[in-house]
Amino acid sequence: MDRAIIDSYLEKNPFIKLSEIVADVIYGEIIGLNIPPSSKLNINQIANELGVSRTPVVEAMVALQEIGFVETRPNINGFYVTDMNLRDLLELYSARSAIECEAAALCAENASPENIEQLEALATAFQKAIPMRDSQALHETDLPFHQLIIESCGNKYLIRSYNELLPNLRMYQRSWTKFISPEKNNPWASKVLHQHLAIVSCIKMHIPSLAKQSMEEHIKSSINFVAYSETADDPFSIFKKKEFREASSATAGGIVKMRNR
C-alpha cells in the first residue's frame, strides 16, 4: 500500500476527498480480510504509507465507524477493526433471512424470464463449485445469485436494506473460503448443494410460498455451512491466533498494528 493508490483514485476523479479515498482503501482491506478483525489500526503508519496527513486518515476511520467496520473501545485509545464472531454471524443471517425470504416470494411473482434464466445459470454453476471446493467460483456464483433475487423482487426498500448487509455478508463468506479450511469436508455441503436450484424451481413455477420456504431452509443451512468448524465452538476464533495475525499483518503490507487480545 503506497501513494500510487491515492494517485490512481485522483486520476479518475481529481475532486474526490482524500478521506474518501483512504476510507475506500481500508474498507477494501477489511472486507477482503487482509486486515484481521479486532486489529488496531495505526493512524500514523497508514498516513505515512499512503503519503497523506493524519487528518484524512482519522476522518476515514470515523466514516468506517459509522457503517460498522471500525470501532473504538472504552478506556482504550485508537481505532480497531470490528470483530467477527458467531453471535454476529447469527444476527446477520437473521436479518438476511427476513429480507431474502420475502424477496424470493416477490421474485416468484415479478421476475422476468431473462432473470430467471440467469438465476438458473448461477445456481447450476454454484452446484458445481461446492463439490470442487472452488472458492473463486463460489465468489462468482453465490452472492450474485442472491443479489439477483433481491434485484428481481421489485421492492426498493428490500433492495436498499439488503445492500446494507452485503459488505458483511461478503466478509463472512470470504472467511470460509479463505481461512476456515475449505479443503476439508464440510458436512453441510450436501445440504446447500441443490438448494439454489430448488429456489429457482419455485420461482419458475411462480409459487411465492414455496420460494419463501426454500429460501428460509437455504439460509438456515448456509449458517451452518459458513460457521462449520471441526475444532472450535466459534470458528472465527482463528482470527485470534497469533500465527494467523502475524501472517495477515505481513500480507496487509504493515498498515496495521496488531494488538494481542
C-alpha atoms as a PDB file:
ATOM      1  CA  MET A   1       0.000   0.000   0.000  1.00  0.00           C
ATOM      2  CA  ASP A   2       1.544   3.298  -1.082  1.00  0.00           C
ATOM      3  CA  ARG A   3       0.917   6.725  -2.563  1.00  0.00           C
ATOM      4  CA  ALA A   4       0.305   5.205  -6.002  1.00  0.00           C
ATOM      5  CA  ILE A   5      -3.090   4.002  -4.784  1.00  0.00           C
ATOM      6  CA  ILE A   6      -4.089   7.557  -3.864  1.00  0.00           C
ATOM      7  CA  ASP A   7      -2.849   8.873  -7.196  1.00  0.00           C
ATOM      8  CA  SER A   8      -4.835   6.271  -9.146  1.00  0.00           C
ATOM      9  CA  TYR A   9      -8.040   7.452  -7.442  1.00  0.00           C
ATOM     10  CA  LEU A  10      -7.213  11.090  -8.120  1.00  0.00           C
ATOM     11  CA  GLU A  11      -6.557  10.371 -11.794  1.00  0.00           C
ATOM     12  CA  LYS A  12     -10.110   9.085 -12.119  1.00  0.00           C
ATOM     13  CA  ASN A  13     -11.641  11.855 -10.024  1.00  0.00           C
ATOM     14  CA  PRO A  14      -9.444  14.878  -9.144  1.00  0.00           C
ATOM     15  CA  PHE A  15     -12.185  16.290  -6.900  1.00  0.00           C
ATOM     16  CA  ILE A  16     -12.612  13.323  -4.581  1.00  0.00           C
ATOM     17  CA  LYS A  17     -11.719  13.951  -0.936  1.00  0.00           C
ATOM     18  CA  LEU A  18      -8.602  12.249   0.411  1.00  0.00           C
ATOM     19  CA  SER A  19     -10.592  10.920   3.369  1.00  0.00           C
ATOM     20  CA  GLU A  20     -12.982   9.162   0.981  1.00  0.00           C
ATOM     21  CA  ILE A  21     -10.075   7.511  -0.818  1.00  0.00           C
ATOM     22  CA  VAL A  22      -8.470   6.352   2.407  1.00  0.00           C
ATOM     23  CA  ALA A  23     -11.807   5.043   3.694  1.00  0.00           C
ATOM     24  CA  ASP A  24     -12.363   3.089   0.490  1.00  0.00           C
ATOM     25  CA  VAL A  25      -8.870   1.588   0.581  1.00  0.00           C
ATOM     26  CA  ILE A  26      -9.119   0.490   4.224  1.00  0.00           C
ATOM     27  CA  TYR A  27     -12.688  -0.715   3.681  1.00  0.00           C
ATOM     28  CA  GLY A  28     -11.486  -2.972   0.871  1.00  0.00           C
ATOM     29  CA  GLU A  29      -8.706  -4.379   3.058  1.00  0.00           C
ATOM     30  CA  ILE A  30     -11.190  -5.113   5.863  1.00  0.00           C
ATOM     31  CA  ILE A  31     -13.790  -6.740   3.612  1.00  0.00           C
ATOM     32  CA  GLY A  32     -11.083  -8.836   1.983  1.00  0.00           C
ATOM     33  CA  LEU A  33      -9.857  -9.857   5.468  1.00  0.00           C
ATOM     34  CA  ASN A  34      -6.362  -8.635   4.644  1.00  0.00           C
ATOM     35  CA  ILE A  35      -6.617  -6.751   7.924  1.00  0.00           C
ATOM     36  CA  PRO A  36      -7.777  -9.232  10.592  1.00  0.00           C
ATOM     37  CA  PRO A  37     -10.811  -8.496  12.769  1.00  0.00           C
ATOM     38  CA  SER A  38     -10.017  -6.777  16.083  1.00  0.00           C
ATOM     39  CA  SER A  39      -6.719  -5.379  14.749  1.00  0.00           C
ATOM     40  CA  LYS A  40      -5.638  -1.963  15.970  1.00  0.00           C
ATOM     41  CA  LEU A  41      -5.282   0.445  13.063  1.00  0.00           C
ATOM     42  CA  ASN A  42      -2.119   2.525  13.231  1.00  0.00           C
ATOM     43  CA  ILE A  43      -3.089   6.023  12.056  1.00  0.00           C
ATOM     44  CA  ASN A  44       0.479   7.303  11.653  1.00  0.00           C
ATOM     45  CA  GLN A  45       1.635   4.264   9.719  1.00  0.00           C
ATOM     46  CA  ILE A  46      -1.342   4.363   7.355  1.00  0.00           C
ATOM     47  CA  ALA A  47      -0.754   8.076   6.754  1.00  0.00           C
ATOM     48  CA  ASN A  48       2.954   7.520   6.055  1.00  0.00           C
ATOM     49  CA  GLU A  49       2.383   4.631   3.670  1.00  0.00           C
ATOM     50  CA  LEU A  50      -0.310   6.458   1.715  1.00  0.00           C
ATOM     51  CA  GLY A  51       1.597   9.736   1.696  1.00  0.00           C
ATOM     52  CA  VAL A  52      -1.140  11.776   3.364  1.00  0.00           C
ATOM     53  CA  SER A  53      -1.517  13.620   6.652  1.00  0.00           C
ATOM     54  CA  ARG A  54      -3.224  12.165   9.724  1.00  0.00           C
ATOM     55  CA  THR A  55      -6.382  14.207   9.193  1.00  0.00           C
ATOM     56  CA  PRO A  56      -7.874  12.300   6.207  1.00  0.00           C
ATOM     57  CA  VAL A  57      -6.965   9.001   7.880  1.00  0.00           C
ATOM     58  CA  VAL A  58      -8.815   9.948  11.072  1.00  0.00           C
ATOM     59  CA  GLU A  59     -11.773  11.171   9.011  1.00  0.00           C
ATOM     60  CA  ALA A  60     -11.746   7.861   7.149  1.00  0.00           C
ATOM     61  CA  MET A  61     -11.810   5.933  10.424  1.00  0.00           C
ATOM     62  CA  VAL A  62     -14.798   7.931  11.633  1.00  0.00           C
ATOM     63  CA  ALA A  63     -16.620   7.224   8.375  1.00  0.00           C
ATOM     64  CA  LEU A  64     -15.872   3.494   8.666  1.00  0.00           C
ATOM     65  CA  GLN A  65     -17.003   3.559  12.276  1.00  0.00           C
ATOM     66  CA  GLU A  66     -20.346   4.989  11.198  1.00  0.00           C
ATOM     67  CA  ILE A  67     -21.001   1.995   8.931  1.00  0.00           C
ATOM     68  CA  GLY A  68     -19.819  -0.549  11.485  1.00  0.00           C
ATOM     69  CA  PHE A  69     -16.446  -1.730  10.180  1.00  0.00           C
ATOM     70  CA  VAL A  70     -14.255   0.167  12.637  1.00  0.00           C
ATOM     71  CA  GLU A  71     -14.835   0.705  16.344  1.00  0.00           C
ATOM     72  CA  THR A  72     -13.410   2.442  19.374  1.00  0.00           C
ATOM     73  CA  ARG A  73     -13.139   0.783  22.767  1.00  0.00           C
ATOM     74  CA  PRO A  74     -13.861   2.111  26.251  1.00  0.00           C
ATOM     75  CA  ASN A  75     -10.792   3.478  28.043  1.00  0.00           C
ATOM     76  CA  ILE A  76      -8.525   2.496  25.129  1.00  0.00           C
ATOM     77  CA  ASN A  77      -7.181   4.962  22.565  1.00  0.00           C
ATOM     78  CA  GLY A  78      -7.350   4.340  18.836  1.00  0.00           C
ATOM     79  CA  PHE A  79      -9.480   2.609  16.235  1.00  0.00           C
ATOM     80  CA  TYR A  80      -9.955  -1.130  15.824  1.00  0.00           C
ATOM     81  CA  VAL A  81     -11.359  -3.315  13.071  1.00  0.00           C
ATOM     82  CA  THR A  82     -14.708  -4.670  14.218  1.00  0.00           C
ATOM     83  CA  ASP A  83     -14.604  -8.249  15.461  1.00  0.00           C
ATOM     84  CA  MET A  84     -16.103 -11.263  13.683  1.00  0.00           C
ATOM     85  CA  ASN A  85     -17.767 -13.911  15.823  1.00  0.00           C
ATOM     86  CA  LEU A  86     -20.520 -16.499  15.786  1.00  0.00           C
ATOM     87  CA  ARG A  87     -23.059 -14.280  17.536  1.00  0.00           C
ATOM     88  CA  ASP A  88     -22.577 -11.550  14.956  1.00  0.00           C
ATOM     89  CA  LEU A  89     -22.961 -14.098  12.149  1.00  0.00           C
ATOM     90  CA  LEU A  90     -26.266 -15.332  13.609  1.00  0.00           C
ATOM     91  CA  GLU A  91     -27.601 -11.781  13.899  1.00  0.00           C
ATOM     92  CA  LEU A  92     -26.512 -11.003  10.346  1.00  0.00           C
ATOM     93  CA  TYR A  93     -28.163 -14.116   8.919  1.00  0.00           C
ATOM     94  CA  SER A  94     -31.351 -13.464  10.897  1.00  0.00           C
ATOM     95  CA  ALA A  95     -31.639 -10.085   9.174  1.00  0.00           C
ATOM     96  CA  ARG A  96     -30.675 -11.689   5.870  1.00  0.00           C
ATOM     97  CA  SER A  97     -33.415 -14.281   6.222  1.00  0.00           C
ATOM     98  CA  ALA A  98     -36.087 -11.662   6.897  1.00  0.00           C
ATOM     99  CA  ILE A  99     -35.129  -9.793   3.716  1.00  0.00           C
ATOM    100  CA  GLU A 100     -34.322 -12.637   1.340  1.00  0.00           C
ATOM    101  CA  CYS A 101     -37.304 -14.854   2.158  1.00  0.00           C
ATOM    102  CA  GLU A 102     -39.690 -12.042   1.328  1.00  0.00           C
ATOM    103  CA  ALA A 103     -37.642 -11.152  -1.748  1.00  0.00           C
ATOM    104  CA  ALA A 104     -37.803 -14.748  -3.002  1.00  0.00           C
ATOM    105  CA  ALA A 105     -41.604 -14.719  -2.681  1.00  0.00           C
ATOM    106  CA  LEU A 106     -41.826 -11.437  -4.590  1.00  0.00           C
ATOM    107  CA  CYS A 107     -39.356 -12.728  -7.155  1.00  0.00           C
ATOM    108  CA  ALA A 108     -41.707 -15.650  -7.847  1.00  0.00           C
ATOM    109  CA  GLU A 109     -44.316 -13.050  -8.753  1.00  0.00           C
ATOM    110  CA  ASN A 110     -42.216 -10.432 -10.514  1.00  0.00           C
ATOM    111  CA  ALA A 111     -39.045 -11.930 -12.001  1.00  0.00           C
ATOM    112  CA  SER A 112     -38.634 -11.664 -15.762  1.00  0.00           C
ATOM    113  CA  PRO A 113     -37.882 -14.752 -17.885  1.00  0.00           C
ATOM    114  CA  GLU A 114     -34.413 -13.322 -18.537  1.00  0.00           C
ATOM    115  CA  ASN A 115     -33.657 -13.007 -14.824  1.00  0.00           C
ATOM    116  CA  ILE A 116     -34.973 -16.498 -14.131  1.00  0.00           C
ATOM    117  CA  GLU A 117     -32.705 -17.855 -16.843  1.00  0.00           C
ATOM    118  CA  GLN A 118     -29.740 -16.053 -15.293  1.00  0.00           C
ATOM    119  CA  LEU A 119     -30.652 -17.349 -11.832  1.00  0.00           C
ATOM    120  CA  GLU A 120     -30.725 -20.886 -13.171  1.00  0.00           C
ATOM    121  CA  ALA A 121     -27.282 -20.461 -14.738  1.00  0.00           C
ATOM    122  CA  LEU A 122     -25.828 -19.133 -11.472  1.00  0.00           C
ATOM    123  CA  ALA A 123     -27.460 -21.938  -9.478  1.00  0.00           C
ATOM    124  CA  THR A 124     -26.054 -24.590 -11.803  1.00  0.00           C
ATOM    125  CA  ALA A 125     -22.556 -23.104 -11.554  1.00  0.00           C
ATOM    126  CA  PHE A 126     -22.864 -22.932  -7.755  1.00  0.00           C
ATOM    127  CA  GLN A 127     -23.840 -26.594  -7.632  1.00  0.00           C
ATOM    128  CA  LYS A 128     -20.639 -27.468  -9.499  1.00  0.00           C
ATOM    129  CA  ALA A 129     -18.451 -25.233  -7.310  1.00  0.00           C
ATOM    130  CA  ILE A 130     -19.393 -26.826  -3.971  1.00  0.00           C
ATOM    131  CA  PRO A 131     -18.004 -30.358  -4.515  1.00  0.00           C
ATOM    132  CA  MET A 132     -14.954 -28.922  -6.302  1.00  0.00           C
ATOM    133  CA  ARG A 133     -14.308 -26.585  -3.333  1.00  0.00           C
ATOM    134  CA  ASP A 134     -13.662 -23.839  -5.851  1.00  0.00           C
ATOM    135  CA  SER A 135     -13.514 -20.664  -3.786  1.00  0.00           C
ATOM    136  CA  GLN A 136     -13.347 -18.356  -6.801  1.00  0.00           C
ATOM    137  CA  ALA A 137     -16.410 -19.977  -8.364  1.00  0.00           C
ATOM    138  CA  LEU A 138     -18.251 -19.624  -5.049  1.00  0.00           C
ATOM    139  CA  HIS A 139     -17.494 -15.896  -5.005  1.00  0.00           C
ATOM    140  CA  GLU A 140     -18.752 -15.593  -8.569  1.00  0.00           C
ATOM    141  CA  THR A 141     -21.979 -17.575  -8.118  1.00  0.00           C
ATOM    142  CA  ASP A 142     -23.226 -17.494  -4.524  1.00  0.00           C
ATOM    143  CA  LEU A 143     -23.819 -13.861  -3.565  1.00  0.00           C
ATOM    144  CA  PRO A 144     -24.512 -12.847  -7.190  1.00  0.00           C
ATOM    145  CA  PHE A 145     -27.365 -15.385  -7.148  1.00  0.00           C
ATOM    146  CA  HIS A 146     -28.830 -13.864  -4.000  1.00  0.00           C
ATOM    147  CA  GLN A 147     -28.281 -10.327  -5.254  1.00  0.00           C
ATOM    148  CA  LEU A 148     -30.175 -11.099  -8.449  1.00  0.00           C
ATOM    149  CA  ILE A 149     -33.128 -12.399  -6.449  1.00  0.00           C
ATOM    150  CA  ILE A 150     -33.128  -9.166  -4.464  1.00  0.00           C
ATOM    151  CA  GLU A 151     -32.876  -7.045  -7.601  1.00  0.00           C
ATOM    152  CA  SER A 152     -35.688  -9.007  -9.232  1.00  0.00           C
ATOM    153  CA  CYS A 153     -38.135  -8.676  -6.337  1.00  0.00           C
ATOM    154  CA  GLY A 154     -39.290  -5.192  -7.332  1.00  0.00           C
ATOM    155  CA  ASN A 155     -39.273  -3.746  -3.796  1.00  0.00           C
ATOM    156  CA  LYS A 156     -36.878  -0.808  -3.457  1.00  0.00           C
ATOM    157  CA  TYR A 157     -36.865  -0.950   0.346  1.00  0.00           C
ATOM    158  CA  LEU A 158     -35.865  -4.609   0.438  1.00  0.00           C
ATOM    159  CA  ILE A 159     -33.137  -3.838  -2.088  1.00  0.00           C
ATOM    160  CA  ARG A 160     -31.861  -0.931  -0.006  1.00  0.00           C
ATOM    161  CA  SER A 161     -31.901  -2.999   3.199  1.00  0.00           C
ATOM    162  CA  TYR A 162     -30.047  -5.884   1.583  1.00  0.00           C
ATOM    163  CA  ASN A 163     -27.362  -3.593   0.223  1.00  0.00           C
ATOM    164  CA  GLU A 164     -26.678  -2.506   3.818  1.00  0.00           C
ATOM    165  CA  LEU A 165     -25.912  -6.126   4.721  1.00  0.00           C
ATOM    166  CA  LEU A 166     -23.935  -7.006   1.615  1.00  0.00           C
ATOM    167  CA  PRO A 167     -20.421  -5.954   2.757  1.00  0.00           C
ATOM    168  CA  ASN A 168     -20.786  -8.006   5.948  1.00  0.00           C
ATOM    169  CA  LEU A 169     -22.108 -10.987   4.003  1.00  0.00           C
ATOM    170  CA  ARG A 170     -19.085 -10.785   1.703  1.00  0.00           C
ATOM    171  CA  MET A 171     -16.733 -10.694   4.670  1.00  0.00           C
ATOM    172  CA  TYR A 172     -18.202 -13.792   6.317  1.00  0.00           C
ATOM    173  CA  GLN A 173     -18.326 -15.675   3.029  1.00  0.00           C
ATOM    174  CA  ARG A 174     -14.680 -14.846   2.399  1.00  0.00           C
ATOM    175  CA  SER A 175     -13.792 -16.077   5.872  1.00  0.00           C
ATOM    176  CA  TRP A 176     -14.905 -19.579   4.926  1.00  0.00           C
ATOM    177  CA  THR A 177     -13.280 -19.713   1.517  1.00  0.00           C
ATOM    178  CA  LYS A 178     -10.059 -18.056   2.662  1.00  0.00           C
ATOM    179  CA  PHE A 179      -9.430 -19.179   6.217  1.00  0.00           C
ATOM    180  CA  ILE A 180     -11.805 -21.823   7.584  1.00  0.00           C
ATOM    181  CA  SER A 181     -10.398 -24.974   5.965  1.00  0.00           C
ATOM    182  CA  PRO A 182     -12.350 -25.099   2.681  1.00  0.00           C
ATOM    183  CA  GLU A 183     -10.193 -28.046   1.627  1.00  0.00           C
ATOM    184  CA  LYS A 184     -11.776 -30.217   4.349  1.00  0.00           C
ATOM    185  CA  ASN A 185     -15.124 -31.933   4.018  1.00  0.00           C
ATOM    186  CA  ASN A 186     -17.976 -29.786   5.255  1.00  0.00           C
ATOM    187  CA  PRO A 187     -20.951 -31.940   6.299  1.00  0.00           C
ATOM    188  CA  TRP A 188     -23.340 -29.123   5.408  1.00  0.00           C
ATOM    189  CA  ALA A 189     -22.182 -29.049   1.785  1.00  0.00           C
ATOM    190  CA  SER A 190     -24.696 -31.732   0.801  1.00  0.00           C
ATOM    191  CA  LYS A 191     -27.478 -29.574   2.250  1.00  0.00           C
ATOM    192  CA  VAL A 192     -26.655 -26.393   0.335  1.00  0.00           C
ATOM    193  CA  LEU A 193     -25.597 -28.204  -2.848  1.00  0.00           C
ATOM    194  CA  HIS A 194     -29.019 -28.326  -4.501  1.00  0.00           C
ATOM    195  CA  GLN A 195     -30.782 -25.502  -2.695  1.00  0.00           C
ATOM    196  CA  HIS A 196     -30.122 -22.725  -5.206  1.00  0.00           C
ATOM    197  CA  LEU A 197     -31.707 -24.804  -7.960  1.00  0.00           C
ATOM    198  CA  ALA A 198     -34.614 -25.639  -5.641  1.00  0.00           C
ATOM    199  CA  ILE A 199     -35.244 -21.930  -5.109  1.00  0.00           C
ATOM    200  CA  VAL A 200     -35.133 -21.310  -8.854  1.00  0.00           C
ATOM    201  CA  SER A 201     -37.644 -24.123  -9.445  1.00  0.00           C
ATOM    202  CA  CYS A 202     -40.099 -22.472  -7.039  1.00  0.00           C
ATOM    203  CA  ILE A 203     -39.611 -19.117  -8.739  1.00  0.00           C
ATOM    204  CA  LYS A 204     -40.105 -20.673 -12.189  1.00  0.00           C
ATOM    205  CA  MET A 205     -43.374 -22.241 -11.002  1.00  0.00           C
ATOM    206  CA  HIS A 206     -44.462 -18.812  -9.675  1.00  0.00           C
ATOM    207  CA  ILE A 207     -45.324 -20.169  -6.224  1.00  0.00           C
ATOM    208  CA  PRO A 208     -44.341 -17.447  -3.726  1.00  0.00           C
ATOM    209  CA  SER A 209     -44.949 -19.532  -0.597  1.00  0.00           C
ATOM    210  CA  LEU A 210     -42.636 -22.309  -1.793  1.00  0.00           C
ATOM    211  CA  ALA A 211     -39.969 -19.843  -2.893  1.00  0.00           C
ATOM    212  CA  LYS A 212     -40.065 -18.242   0.554  1.00  0.00           C
ATOM    213  CA  GLN A 213     -39.864 -21.638   2.283  1.00  0.00           C
ATOM    214  CA  SER A 214     -36.981 -22.805   0.089  1.00  0.00           C
ATOM    215  CA  MET A 215     -35.026 -19.631   0.802  1.00  0.00           C
ATOM    216  CA  GLU A 216     -35.597 -19.966   4.541  1.00  0.00           C
ATOM    217  CA  GLU A 217     -34.272 -23.535   4.517  1.00  0.00           C
ATOM    218  CA  HIS A 218     -31.287 -22.486   2.442  1.00  0.00           C
ATOM    219  CA  ILE A 219     -30.265 -19.657   4.755  1.00  0.00           C
ATOM    220  CA  LYS A 220     -30.511 -21.958   7.787  1.00  0.00           C
ATOM    221  CA  SER A 221     -28.207 -24.432   6.031  1.00  0.00           C
ATOM    222  CA  SER A 222     -25.890 -21.620   4.946  1.00  0.00           C
ATOM    223  CA  ILE A 223     -25.348 -20.515   8.544  1.00  0.00           C
ATOM    224  CA  ASN A 224     -24.080 -23.970   9.416  1.00  0.00           C
ATOM    225  CA  PHE A 225     -22.097 -24.208   6.186  1.00  0.00           C
ATOM    226  CA  VAL A 226     -20.230 -20.936   6.753  1.00  0.00           C
ATOM    227  CA  ALA A 227     -19.785 -21.441  10.507  1.00  0.00           C
ATOM    228  CA  TYR A 228     -18.734 -25.090  10.411  1.00  0.00           C
ATOM    229  CA  SER A 229     -15.544 -25.893  12.289  1.00  0.00           C
ATOM    230  CA  GLU A 230     -14.088 -29.237  13.323  1.00  0.00           C
ATOM    231  CA  THR A 231     -12.095 -27.800  16.188  1.00  0.00           C
ATOM    232  CA  ALA A 232     -13.868 -24.822  17.779  1.00  0.00           C
ATOM    233  CA  ASP A 233     -17.268 -23.729  19.044  1.00  0.00           C
ATOM    234  CA  ASP A 234     -16.595 -20.356  17.438  1.00  0.00           C
ATOM    235  CA  PRO A 235     -14.993 -20.905  14.001  1.00  0.00           C
ATOM    236  CA  PHE A 236     -13.900 -17.285  13.882  1.00  0.00           C
ATOM    237  CA  SER A 237     -11.542 -17.861  16.805  1.00  0.00           C
ATOM    238  CA  ILE A 238      -8.932 -18.469  14.097  1.00  0.00           C
ATOM    239  CA  PHE A 239      -8.588 -14.695  13.819  1.00  0.00           C
ATOM    240  CA  LYS A 240      -7.316 -14.543  17.397  1.00  0.00           C
ATOM    241  CA  LYS A 241      -4.448 -16.959  16.847  1.00  0.00           C
ATOM    242  CA  LYS A 242      -1.034 -15.329  16.910  1.00  0.00           C
ATOM    243  CA  GLU A 243       0.301 -17.082  13.800  1.00  0.00           C
ATOM    244  CA  PHE A 244      -2.699 -16.041  11.748  1.00  0.00           C
ATOM    245  CA  ARG A 245      -2.487 -12.424  12.842  1.00  0.00           C
ATOM    246  CA  GLU A 246       1.230 -12.231  12.121  1.00  0.00           C
ATOM    247  CA  ALA A 247       0.751 -13.695   8.630  1.00  0.00           C
ATOM    248  CA  SER A 248      -2.117 -11.330   7.890  1.00  0.00           C
ATOM    249  CA  SER A 249      -0.115  -8.358   9.121  1.00  0.00           C
ATOM    250  CA  ALA A 250       2.588  -9.156   6.566  1.00  0.00           C
ATOM    251  CA  THR A 251       0.010  -9.673   3.800  1.00  0.00           C
ATOM    252  CA  ALA A 252      -1.601  -6.319   4.512  1.00  0.00           C
ATOM    253  CA  GLY A 253       1.694  -4.551   3.914  1.00  0.00           C
ATOM    254  CA  GLY A 254       2.174  -3.472   7.501  1.00  0.00           C
ATOM    255  CA  ILE A 255      -0.655  -0.957   7.592  1.00  0.00           C
ATOM    256  CA  VAL A 256      -1.983  -2.225  10.882  1.00  0.00           C
ATOM    257  CA  LYS A 257      -0.513  -2.526  14.314  1.00  0.00           C
ATOM    258  CA  MET A 258      -1.514  -5.811  15.909  1.00  0.00           C
ATOM    259  CA  ARG A 259      -2.674  -5.929  19.458  1.00  0.00           C
ATOM    260  CA  ASN A 260      -2.964  -9.361  21.094  1.00  0.00           C
ATOM    261  CA  ARG A 261      -6.258  -9.855  22.829  1.00  0.00           C
END
